C-alpha atoms as a PDB file:
ATOM      1  CA  MET A   1       8.624  25.945   4.425  1.00  0.00           C
ATOM      2  CA  THR A   2       6.920  22.582   4.844  1.00  0.00           C
ATOM      3  CA  GLN A   3       7.582  20.215   1.938  1.00  0.00           C
ATOM      4  CA  LEU A   4       4.421  18.595   0.549  1.00  0.00           C
ATOM      5  CA  LEU A   5       5.004  14.945  -0.321  1.00  0.00           C
ATOM      6  CA  ASP A   6       2.758  14.773  -3.385  1.00  0.00           C
ATOM      7  CA  GLY A   7       1.926  11.110  -3.920  1.00  0.00           C
ATOM      8  CA  LYS A   8      -0.390  11.812  -6.830  1.00  0.00           C
ATOM      9  CA  ALA A   9       2.346  13.470  -8.913  1.00  0.00           C
ATOM     10  CA  LEU A  10       4.873  10.721  -8.140  1.00  0.00           C
ATOM     11  CA  ALA A  11       2.300   7.989  -8.856  1.00  0.00           C
ATOM     12  CA  ASN A  12       1.645   9.555 -12.276  1.00  0.00           C
ATOM     13  CA  GLN A  13       5.379   9.529 -12.963  1.00  0.00           C
ATOM     14  CA  VAL A  14       5.689   5.865 -11.909  1.00  0.00           C
ATOM     15  CA  GLN A  15       2.721   4.925 -14.096  1.00  0.00           C
ATOM     16  CA  ALA A  16       4.222   6.725 -17.111  1.00  0.00           C
ATOM     17  CA  GLU A  17       7.478   4.784 -16.639  1.00  0.00           C
ATOM     18  CA  LEU A  18       5.590   1.492 -16.298  1.00  0.00           C
ATOM     19  CA  ALA A  19       3.561   2.196 -19.465  1.00  0.00           C
ATOM     20  CA  GLN A  20       6.771   2.847 -21.401  1.00  0.00           C
ATOM     21  CA  SER A  21       8.354  -0.369 -20.075  1.00  0.00           C
ATOM     22  CA  ILE A  22       5.261  -2.421 -20.971  1.00  0.00           C
ATOM     23  CA  GLN A  23       5.053  -0.933 -24.483  1.00  0.00           C
ATOM     24  CA  SER A  24       8.722  -1.733 -25.056  1.00  0.00           C
ATOM     25  CA  THR A  25       8.279  -5.346 -23.933  1.00  0.00           C
ATOM     26  CA  ILE A  26       5.150  -5.873 -26.048  1.00  0.00           C
ATOM     27  CA  ALA A  27       7.002  -4.412 -29.047  1.00  0.00           C
ATOM     28  CA  GLN A  28       9.482  -7.282 -28.655  1.00  0.00           C
ATOM     29  CA  GLY A  29       6.638  -9.720 -29.299  1.00  0.00           C
ATOM     30  CA  HIS A  30       5.595 -10.483 -25.730  1.00  0.00           C
ATOM     31  CA  ARG A  31       2.092 -10.549 -24.224  1.00  0.00           C
ATOM     32  CA  PRO A  32       0.930  -7.717 -21.924  1.00  0.00           C
ATOM     33  CA  PRO A  33       1.180  -8.191 -18.151  1.00  0.00           C
ATOM     34  CA  GLY A  34      -1.901  -9.545 -16.406  1.00  0.00           C
ATOM     35  CA  LEU A  35      -3.453  -8.860 -12.993  1.00  0.00           C
ATOM     36  CA  GLY A  36      -6.158 -11.110 -11.582  1.00  0.00           C
ATOM     37  CA  VAL A  37      -8.482  -9.512  -9.018  1.00  0.00           C
ATOM     38  CA  ILE A  38     -10.918 -11.503  -6.888  1.00  0.00           C
ATOM     39  CA  MET A  39     -13.742  -9.673  -5.132  1.00  0.00           C
ATOM     40  CA  VAL A  40     -16.269 -11.492  -2.955  1.00  0.00           C
ATOM     41  CA  GLY A  41     -19.552  -9.790  -2.043  1.00  0.00           C
ATOM     42  CA  ASP A  42     -20.866  -6.279  -2.638  1.00  0.00           C
ATOM     43  CA  ASN A  43     -18.934  -3.990  -0.295  1.00  0.00           C
ATOM     44  CA  PRO A  44     -19.293  -0.536  -1.961  1.00  0.00           C
ATOM     45  CA  ALA A  45     -15.844   0.638  -0.840  1.00  0.00           C
ATOM     46  CA  SER A  46     -14.251  -2.551  -2.183  1.00  0.00           C
ATOM     47  CA  ALA A  47     -16.090  -2.134  -5.480  1.00  0.00           C
ATOM     48  CA  ALA A  48     -14.747   1.436  -5.779  1.00  0.00           C
ATOM     49  CA  TYR A  49     -11.185   0.282  -5.014  1.00  0.00           C
ATOM     50  CA  VAL A  50     -11.420  -2.484  -7.626  1.00  0.00           C
ATOM     51  CA  ARG A  51     -12.698  -0.019 -10.244  1.00  0.00           C
ATOM     52  CA  ASN A  52      -9.818   2.344  -9.479  1.00  0.00           C
ATOM     53  CA  LYS A  53      -7.264  -0.457  -9.761  1.00  0.00           C
ATOM     54  CA  SER A  54      -8.763  -1.665 -13.055  1.00  0.00           C
ATOM     55  CA  ARG A  55      -8.665   1.872 -14.469  1.00  0.00           C
ATOM     56  CA  ALA A  56      -5.047   2.265 -13.371  1.00  0.00           C
ATOM     57  CA  CYS A  57      -4.180  -1.062 -15.027  1.00  0.00           C
ATOM     58  CA  GLY A  58      -5.784   0.128 -18.262  1.00  0.00           C
ATOM     59  CA  LYS A  59      -3.760   3.359 -18.218  1.00  0.00           C
ATOM     60  CA  VAL A  60      -0.410   1.560 -18.164  1.00  0.00           C
ATOM     61  CA  GLY A  61      -1.286  -1.423 -20.367  1.00  0.00           C
ATOM     62  CA  ILE A  62      -1.886  -4.164 -17.781  1.00  0.00           C
ATOM     63  CA  ALA A  63      -4.700  -6.574 -18.686  1.00  0.00           C
ATOM     64  CA  SER A  64      -6.875  -6.831 -15.555  1.00  0.00           C
ATOM     65  CA  GLN A  65      -9.224  -9.751 -15.040  1.00  0.00           C
ATOM     66  CA  VAL A  66     -11.794  -9.123 -12.287  1.00  0.00           C
ATOM     67  CA  ILE A  67     -13.678 -12.119 -10.877  1.00  0.00           C
ATOM     68  CA  HIS A  68     -16.667 -10.907  -8.827  1.00  0.00           C
ATOM     69  CA  LEU A  69     -18.088 -13.699  -6.669  1.00  0.00           C
ATOM     70  CA  PRO A  70     -21.336 -13.615  -4.645  1.00  0.00           C
ATOM     71  CA  THR A  71     -21.234 -13.113  -0.866  1.00  0.00           C
ATOM     72  CA  THR A  72     -22.273 -16.744  -0.319  1.00  0.00           C
ATOM     73  CA  THR A  73     -19.226 -18.165  -2.147  1.00  0.00           C
ATOM     74  CA  SER A  74     -17.499 -20.872  -0.081  1.00  0.00           C
ATOM     75  CA  GLN A  75     -13.853 -21.010   1.001  1.00  0.00           C
ATOM     76  CA  ALA A  76     -13.215 -23.913  -1.381  1.00  0.00           C
ATOM     77  CA  GLU A  77     -14.726 -22.028  -4.309  1.00  0.00           C
ATOM     78  CA  VAL A  78     -12.550 -18.949  -3.734  1.00  0.00           C
ATOM     79  CA  MET A  79      -9.482 -21.178  -3.334  1.00  0.00           C
ATOM     80  CA  ALA A  80     -10.297 -22.846  -6.650  1.00  0.00           C
ATOM     81  CA  VAL A  81     -10.337 -19.448  -8.408  1.00  0.00           C
ATOM     82  CA  ILE A  82      -6.991 -18.547  -6.838  1.00  0.00           C
ATOM     83  CA  GLN A  83      -5.466 -21.864  -7.953  1.00  0.00           C
ATOM     84  CA  GLN A  84      -6.801 -21.289 -11.461  1.00  0.00           C
ATOM     85  CA  MET A  85      -5.049 -17.896 -11.513  1.00  0.00           C
ATOM     86  CA  ASN A  86      -1.878 -19.431 -10.038  1.00  0.00           C
ATOM     87  CA  ASN A  87      -1.794 -21.785 -13.034  1.00  0.00           C
ATOM     88  CA  ASP A  88      -2.725 -19.183 -15.668  1.00  0.00           C
ATOM     89  CA  PRO A  89       0.446 -18.182 -17.603  1.00  0.00           C
ATOM     90  CA  ALA A  90      -1.173 -14.881 -18.664  1.00  0.00           C
ATOM     91  CA  ILE A  91      -1.618 -13.699 -15.045  1.00  0.00           C
ATOM     92  CA  ASP A  92       1.437 -12.253 -13.305  1.00  0.00           C
ATOM     93  CA  GLY A  93      -0.212 -10.882 -10.180  1.00  0.00           C
ATOM     94  CA  ILE A  94      -3.158 -11.958  -8.020  1.00  0.00           C
ATOM     95  CA  LEU A  95      -5.052  -9.671  -5.665  1.00  0.00           C
ATOM     96  CA  VAL A  96      -7.805 -10.738  -3.254  1.00  0.00           C
ATOM     97  CA  GLN A  97      -9.731  -7.592  -2.359  1.00  0.00           C
ATOM     98  CA  LEU A  98     -10.175  -7.171   1.388  1.00  0.00           C
ATOM     99  CA  PRO A  99     -12.243  -7.207   3.543  1.00  0.00           C
ATOM    100  CA  LEU A 100     -13.847 -10.547   2.798  1.00  0.00           C
ATOM    101  CA  PRO A 101     -17.225 -11.785   4.121  1.00  0.00           C
ATOM    102  CA  ASN A 102     -16.922 -13.062   7.713  1.00  0.00           C
ATOM    103  CA  HIS A 103     -17.333 -16.744   6.848  1.00  0.00           C
ATOM    104  CA  LEU A 104     -14.144 -16.745   4.745  1.00  0.00           C
ATOM    105  CA  ASP A 105     -10.647 -17.271   6.178  1.00  0.00           C
ATOM    106  CA  ALA A 106      -8.692 -14.408   4.594  1.00  0.00           C
ATOM    107  CA  VAL A 107      -5.285 -15.608   5.855  1.00  0.00           C
ATOM    108  CA  ALA A 108      -5.722 -19.071   4.356  1.00  0.00           C
ATOM    109  CA  LEU A 109      -6.829 -17.581   1.035  1.00  0.00           C
ATOM    110  CA  LEU A 110      -3.926 -15.116   0.864  1.00  0.00           C
ATOM    111  CA  ASN A 111      -1.536 -17.974   1.652  1.00  0.00           C
ATOM    112  CA  THR A 112      -2.922 -19.890  -1.343  1.00  0.00           C
ATOM    113  CA  ILE A 113      -1.608 -17.237  -3.754  1.00  0.00           C
ATOM    114  CA  HIS A 114       1.730 -18.236  -5.310  1.00  0.00           C
ATOM    115  CA  PRO A 115       4.424 -16.056  -3.663  1.00  0.00           C
ATOM    116  CA  ASN A 116       5.715 -14.875  -7.054  1.00  0.00           C
ATOM    117  CA  LYS A 117       2.213 -13.642  -7.965  1.00  0.00           C
ATOM    118  CA  ASP A 118       1.520 -12.103  -4.539  1.00  0.00           C
ATOM    119  CA  VAL A 119       1.462  -8.444  -5.641  1.00  0.00           C
ATOM    120  CA  ASP A 120       0.126  -7.339  -2.233  1.00  0.00           C
ATOM    121  CA  GLY A 121       3.307  -8.696  -0.614  1.00  0.00           C
ATOM    122  CA  LEU A 122       1.356 -10.452   2.161  1.00  0.00           C
ATOM    123  CA  HIS A 123       2.409 -14.079   1.670  1.00  0.00           C
ATOM    124  CA  PRO A 124       4.560 -15.440   4.541  1.00  0.00           C
ATOM    125  CA  ILE A 125       7.372 -16.159   2.084  1.00  0.00           C
ATOM    126  CA  ASN A 126       7.428 -12.550   0.860  1.00  0.00           C
ATOM    127  CA  LEU A 127       7.231 -11.207   4.407  1.00  0.00           C
ATOM    128  CA  GLY A 128      10.062 -13.574   5.325  1.00  0.00           C
ATOM    129  CA  ARG A 129      12.113 -12.241   2.424  1.00  0.00           C
ATOM    130  CA  LEU A 130      11.514  -8.715   3.729  1.00  0.00           C
ATOM    131  CA  VAL A 131      12.662  -9.711   7.227  1.00  0.00           C
ATOM    132  CA  ARG A 132      15.818 -11.280   5.752  1.00  0.00           C
ATOM    133  CA  GLY A 133      16.475  -8.323   3.418  1.00  0.00           C
ATOM    134  CA  GLU A 134      16.120 -10.545   0.342  1.00  0.00           C
ATOM    135  CA  PRO A 135      14.529  -9.515  -2.985  1.00  0.00           C
ATOM    136  CA  GLY A 136      10.798 -10.169  -3.221  1.00  0.00           C
ATOM    137  CA  LEU A 137       7.403  -8.565  -3.714  1.00  0.00           C
ATOM    138  CA  ARG A 138       6.825  -5.919  -1.033  1.00  0.00           C
ATOM    139  CA  SER A 139       3.626  -4.692   0.623  1.00  0.00           C
ATOM    140  CA  CYS A 140       2.290  -1.861  -1.535  1.00  0.00           C
ATOM    141  CA  THR A 141       1.526   0.883   1.000  1.00  0.00           C
ATOM    142  CA  PRO A 142       4.843   0.862   2.893  1.00  0.00           C
ATOM    143  CA  LEU A 143       6.711   0.424  -0.396  1.00  0.00           C
ATOM    144  CA  GLY A 144       4.905   3.531  -1.669  1.00  0.00           C
ATOM    145  CA  VAL A 145       5.968   5.443   1.450  1.00  0.00           C
ATOM    146  CA  MET A 146       9.611   4.479   0.895  1.00  0.00           C
ATOM    147  CA  ARG A 147       9.416   5.606  -2.722  1.00  0.00           C
ATOM    148  CA  LEU A 148       7.925   8.940  -1.609  1.00  0.00           C
ATOM    149  CA  LEU A 149      10.767   9.466   0.854  1.00  0.00           C
ATOM    150  CA  ALA A 150      13.402   8.588  -1.751  1.00  0.00           C
ATOM    151  CA  ALA A 151      11.848  10.833  -4.411  1.00  0.00           C
ATOM    152  CA  HIS A 152      12.043  13.793  -2.011  1.00  0.00           C
ATOM    153  CA  HIS A 153      15.617  12.966  -0.927  1.00  0.00           C
ATOM    154  CA  ILE A 154      14.595  12.075   2.635  1.00  0.00           C
ATOM    155  CA  ASP A 155      17.135   9.537   3.900  1.00  0.00           C
ATOM    156  CA  PRO A 156      16.000   7.520   6.955  1.00  0.00           C
ATOM    157  CA  THR A 157      19.615   6.635   7.860  1.00  0.00           C
ATOM    158  CA  GLY A 158      20.271   7.370  11.516  1.00  0.00           C
ATOM    159  CA  THR A 159      16.802   8.809  12.175  1.00  0.00           C
ATOM    160  CA  GLN A 160      14.385   7.902  14.958  1.00  0.00           C
ATOM    161  CA  ALA A 161      11.245   6.536  13.269  1.00  0.00           C
ATOM    162  CA  VAL A 162       7.954   5.814  15.015  1.00  0.00           C
ATOM    163  CA  VAL A 163       5.328   3.718  13.244  1.00  0.00           C
ATOM    164  CA  MET A 164       1.833   3.986  14.729  1.00  0.00           C
ATOM    165  CA  GLY A 165       0.109   0.729  13.829  1.00  0.00           C
ATOM    166  CA  ARG A 166       1.160  -2.925  13.791  1.00  0.00           C
ATOM    167  CA  SER A 167      -0.990  -4.443  11.048  1.00  0.00           C
ATOM    168  CA  ILE A 168       0.503  -6.991   8.681  1.00  0.00           C
ATOM    169  CA  LEU A 169      -0.702  -4.775   5.821  1.00  0.00           C
ATOM    170  CA  VAL A 170       1.091  -1.556   6.807  1.00  0.00           C
ATOM    171  CA  GLY A 171       2.593  -1.224  10.284  1.00  0.00           C
ATOM    172  CA  LYS A 172       4.891  -4.253  10.492  1.00  0.00           C
ATOM    173  CA  PRO A 173       6.256  -4.150   6.917  1.00  0.00           C
ATOM    174  CA  MET A 174       6.619  -0.355   7.204  1.00  0.00           C
ATOM    175  CA  ALA A 175       8.785  -0.768  10.294  1.00  0.00           C
ATOM    176  CA  LEU A 176      10.897  -3.442   8.567  1.00  0.00           C
ATOM    177  CA  MET A 177      11.447  -1.267   5.476  1.00  0.00           C
ATOM    178  CA  LEU A 178      12.512   1.713   7.599  1.00  0.00           C
ATOM    179  CA  LEU A 179      14.832  -0.583   9.551  1.00  0.00           C
ATOM    180  CA  GLU A 180      16.267  -1.840   6.258  1.00  0.00           C
ATOM    181  CA  ALA A 181      16.889   1.822   5.357  1.00  0.00           C
ATOM    182  CA  ASN A 182      18.967   2.244   8.550  1.00  0.00           C
ATOM    183  CA  ALA A 183      16.407   4.035  10.726  1.00  0.00           C
ATOM    184  CA  THR A 184      16.006   3.170  14.412  1.00  0.00           C
ATOM    185  CA  VAL A 185      12.370   2.083  14.567  1.00  0.00           C
ATOM    186  CA  THR A 186       9.746   1.969  17.312  1.00  0.00           C
ATOM    187  CA  ILE A 187       6.348   0.378  16.654  1.00  0.00           C
ATOM    188  CA  ALA A 188       3.492   1.937  18.630  1.00  0.00           C
ATOM    189  CA  HIS A 189      -0.017   0.531  18.988  1.00  0.00           C
ATOM    190  CA  GLY A 190      -3.257   0.763  20.955  1.00  0.00           C
ATOM    191  CA  ARG A 191      -1.638  -0.359  24.203  1.00  0.00           C
ATOM    192  CA  THR A 192       1.448   1.841  23.998  1.00  0.00           C
ATOM    193  CA  LEU A 193       1.818   3.946  27.139  1.00  0.00           C
ATOM    194  CA  ASN A 194       2.528   7.695  26.882  1.00  0.00           C
ATOM    195  CA  LEU A 195       2.090   7.611  23.115  1.00  0.00           C
ATOM    196  CA  PRO A 196       2.413  11.396  22.565  1.00  0.00           C
ATOM    197  CA  VAL A 197       5.723  11.403  24.459  1.00  0.00           C
ATOM    198  CA  LEU A 198       6.979   8.689  22.113  1.00  0.00           C
ATOM    199  CA  THR A 199       5.802  10.356  18.902  1.00  0.00           C
ATOM    200  CA  GLN A 200       7.421  13.660  19.944  1.00  0.00           C
ATOM    201  CA  GLN A 201      10.807  11.931  19.602  1.00  0.00           C
ATOM    202  CA  ALA A 202      10.219  10.846  15.994  1.00  0.00           C
ATOM    203  CA  ASP A 203      12.213  12.296  13.113  1.00  0.00           C
ATOM    204  CA  ILE A 204       9.920  10.238  10.852  1.00  0.00           C
ATOM    205  CA  LEU A 205       6.383   9.636  12.111  1.00  0.00           C
ATOM    206  CA  VAL A 206       4.113   7.210  10.260  1.00  0.00           C
ATOM    207  CA  ALA A 207       0.446   7.240  11.328  1.00  0.00           C
ATOM    208  CA  ALA A 208      -1.481   4.125  10.295  1.00  0.00           C
ATOM    209  CA  VAL A 209      -4.146   3.587  12.954  1.00  0.00           C
ATOM    210  CA  GLY A 210      -7.416   4.531  11.240  1.00  0.00           C
ATOM    211  CA  ARG A 211      -8.510   7.256  13.680  1.00  0.00           C
ATOM    212  CA  ALA A 212      -9.359  10.611  12.124  1.00  0.00           C
ATOM    213  CA  GLY A 213      -7.169  13.502  13.307  1.00  0.00           C
ATOM    214  CA  MET A 214      -5.609  11.485  16.147  1.00  0.00           C
ATOM    215  CA  VAL A 215      -2.146  13.019  15.694  1.00  0.00           C
ATOM    216  CA  THR A 216      -2.294  16.643  16.816  1.00  0.00           C
ATOM    217  CA  ALA A 217       0.398  19.324  16.875  1.00  0.00           C
ATOM    218  CA  ASP A 218       1.542  18.485  20.415  1.00  0.00           C
ATOM    219  CA  TRP A 219       2.333  14.907  19.291  1.00  0.00           C
ATOM    220  CA  VAL A 220       4.851  16.017  16.669  1.00  0.00           C
ATOM    221  CA  LYS A 221       8.493  17.033  16.947  1.00  0.00           C
ATOM    222  CA  PRO A 222       9.155  20.309  15.066  1.00  0.00           C
ATOM    223  CA  GLY A 223      10.954  19.481  11.822  1.00  0.00           C
ATOM    224  CA  ALA A 224       9.672  15.900  11.667  1.00  0.00           C
ATOM    225  CA  VAL A 225       8.660  14.100   8.479  1.00  0.00           C
ATOM    226  CA  VAL A 226       4.992  13.105   8.918  1.00  0.00           C
ATOM    227  CA  ILE A 227       3.538  10.284   6.818  1.00  0.00           C
ATOM    228  CA  ASP A 228      -0.248   9.959   7.070  1.00  0.00           C
ATOM    229  CA  VAL A 229      -1.459   6.532   5.944  1.00  0.00           C
ATOM    230  CA  GLY A 230      -4.954   6.959   7.399  1.00  0.00           C
ATOM    231  CA  ILE A 231      -8.018   7.224   5.178  1.00  0.00           C
ATOM    232  CA  ASN A 232     -11.110   8.090   7.218  1.00  0.00           C
ATOM    233  CA  ARG A 233     -14.465   9.199   5.831  1.00  0.00           C
ATOM    234  CA  VAL A 234     -15.873  11.940   8.078  1.00  0.00           C
ATOM    235  CA  GLU A 235     -19.347  13.463   7.910  1.00  0.00           C
ATOM    236  CA  LYS A 236     -19.644  17.251   7.600  1.00  0.00           C
ATOM    237  CA  PRO A 237     -22.410  19.253   9.351  1.00  0.00           C
ATOM    238  CA  ASP A 238     -24.355  19.406   6.055  1.00  0.00           C
ATOM    239  CA  GLY A 239     -24.438  15.604   5.850  1.00  0.00           C
ATOM    240  CA  SER A 240     -21.833  15.268   3.094  1.00  0.00           C
ATOM    241  CA  THR A 241     -18.605  13.364   3.721  1.00  0.00           C
ATOM    242  CA  HIS A 242     -14.936  13.990   3.046  1.00  0.00           C
ATOM    243  CA  LEU A 243     -11.701  12.059   3.480  1.00  0.00           C
ATOM    244  CA  VAL A 244      -9.243  12.901   6.246  1.00  0.00           C
ATOM    245  CA  GLY A 245      -6.153  11.188   7.571  1.00  0.00           C
ATOM    246  CA  ASP A 246      -4.986  10.134  11.011  1.00  0.00           C
ATOM    247  CA  VAL A 247      -3.108  13.445  11.283  1.00  0.00           C
ATOM    248  CA  ASP A 248      -4.696  16.835  12.027  1.00  0.00           C
ATOM    249  CA  TYR A 249      -3.180  18.258   8.843  1.00  0.00           C
ATOM    250  CA  GLU A 250      -3.931  21.956   9.393  1.00  0.00           C
ATOM    251  CA  ALA A 251      -2.379  21.911  12.872  1.00  0.00           C
ATOM    252  CA  VAL A 252       0.611  19.665  12.114  1.00  0.00           C
ATOM    253  CA  ALA A 253       1.688  20.886   8.658  1.00  0.00           C
ATOM    254  CA  PRO A 254       3.243  24.189   9.876  1.00  0.00           C
ATOM    255  CA  LEU A 255       5.467  22.225  12.303  1.00  0.00           C
ATOM    256  CA  ALA A 256       6.621  19.513   9.920  1.00  0.00           C
ATOM    257  CA  LYS A 257       9.642  19.464   7.657  1.00  0.00           C
ATOM    258  CA  ALA A 258       7.560  17.380   5.209  1.00  0.00           C
ATOM    259  CA  ILE A 259       4.059  15.901   5.246  1.00  0.00           C
ATOM    260  CA  THR A 260       1.733  13.817   3.077  1.00  0.00           C
ATOM    261  CA  PRO A 261      -1.760  15.147   2.345  1.00  0.00           C
ATOM    262  CA  VAL A 262      -4.961  13.080   2.533  1.00  0.00           C
ATOM    263  CA  PRO A 263      -6.159  12.490  -0.097  1.00  0.00           C
ATOM    264  CA  GLY A 264      -3.327  12.683  -2.631  1.00  0.00           C
ATOM    265  CA  GLY A 265      -0.446  11.383  -0.523  1.00  0.00           C
ATOM    266  CA  VAL A 266       0.096   7.721   0.261  1.00  0.00           C
ATOM    267  CA  GLY A 267      -3.112   6.451  -1.414  1.00  0.00           C
ATOM    268  CA  PRO A 268      -2.068   6.993  -5.054  1.00  0.00           C
ATOM    269  CA  MET A 269       1.338   5.475  -4.289  1.00  0.00           C
ATOM    270  CA  THR A 270      -0.293   2.285  -2.992  1.00  0.00           C
ATOM    271  CA  VAL A 271      -1.990   1.746  -6.359  1.00  0.00           C
ATOM    272  CA  ALA A 272       1.205   2.669  -8.251  1.00  0.00           C
ATOM    273  CA  MET A 273       3.192   0.077  -6.271  1.00  0.00           C
ATOM    274  CA  LEU A 274       0.534  -2.573  -6.993  1.00  0.00           C
ATOM    275  CA  LEU A 275       1.061  -1.901 -10.696  1.00  0.00           C
ATOM    276  CA  GLU A 276       4.845  -1.893 -10.267  1.00  0.00           C
ATOM    277  CA  ASN A 277       4.754  -5.217  -8.402  1.00  0.00           C
ATOM    278  CA  THR A 278       2.664  -6.696 -11.220  1.00  0.00           C
ATOM    279  CA  VAL A 279       5.154  -5.490 -13.844  1.00  0.00           C
ATOM    280  CA  THR A 280       8.095  -6.740 -11.752  1.00  0.00           C
ATOM    281  CA  SER A 281       6.485 -10.188 -11.583  1.00  0.00           C
ATOM    282  CA  TYR A 282       5.755  -9.977 -15.341  1.00  0.00           C
ATOM    283  CA  HIS A 283       9.387  -9.296 -16.244  1.00  0.00           C
ATOM    284  CA  GLN A 284      10.608 -12.042 -13.922  1.00  0.00           C
ATOM    285  CA  ARG A 285       8.205 -14.554 -15.429  1.00  0.00           C
ATOM    286  CA  LEU A 286       9.172 -13.594 -18.999  1.00  0.00           C
ATOM    287  CA  GLN A 287      12.847 -13.255 -17.990  1.00  0.00           C
ATOM    288  CA  VAL A 288      13.145 -10.007 -19.976  1.00  0.00           C
END
C-alpha cells in the first residue's frame, strides 16, 4: 500500500501547536508575534498567496501587516519599507512576495532583510548557516518536506536522494537538508543527461522543476518515496483549470512507497513552516 504524505493534515497539526505556544506566551504578558509582508504590483497569483498567508497568520495568532505597493514603486522605496520593518520591534518576520516587477532587483531586496527576520530563509547568512549545519531560519518549502518525512518516520539516512531542480528557493536548500539528514544527494537540472536513468536510482525523489506531469512511472524506482513540489495550473478540455504537480500522480502512486499529492502535499507545509519560522524568530527576539 502506498503511503499518502498528507501535508494538509500535518500543517493543521503544526498550526494548532503554534497557536497554543503563542497563546501561552501572550498569557505571560508578551505581545503577539508579527509578520510583515511586502507585495509590489497586482499579480493575481501573488495576491492569492498573500491572502492565504494572512489568513493562516490570523488562525494561529500572528499579527500580519501587509504593505501593498504599486507596480511603479522604485527599488529605493521598497528598500525603505524593508528597513522600516527591520527596525520595527513588533515585527519578527519579513516576507517579500515574489515574483517582483522586472525593474526591481529581487536579490538585493531580499539581502536587505535582517537575517534574523528572514522567514523565507533566503538571506546569504541563513543559507550559509544551512551549509555549515548551524542553527538558523530555513527555506520554508524544503523544511516542510523534511517535516513531512519525519512525521511519517521516513529516515533519509543512507538513502540515494535525487533532487530535480536547483533553484535557491527549493532545489539547493532541499539537497543540503537531505545531505544534513545523511542521504547521498544528486542534484539534477535542465542539462542533466539521461535524467530518467538517474531518477530510477532514487530512494527519495524530489521533483521541483515546474513542468506538469514530467515524472512518469518509468522514471521512478519501485518503492521510492516521491515528493512532488510542483504546482502547475493546467487547463481542462472544458476551459476550467486545475492544479497538478510535476509527477504523473495516477501512474506513479501505485509504484511508490510514499507520495505527496498535489494539491494538499507540500504546499500547506510551506505556509506552516513560514508561520513556524516567524514564531521561532519571535521567541528568539523575546528570549522566552
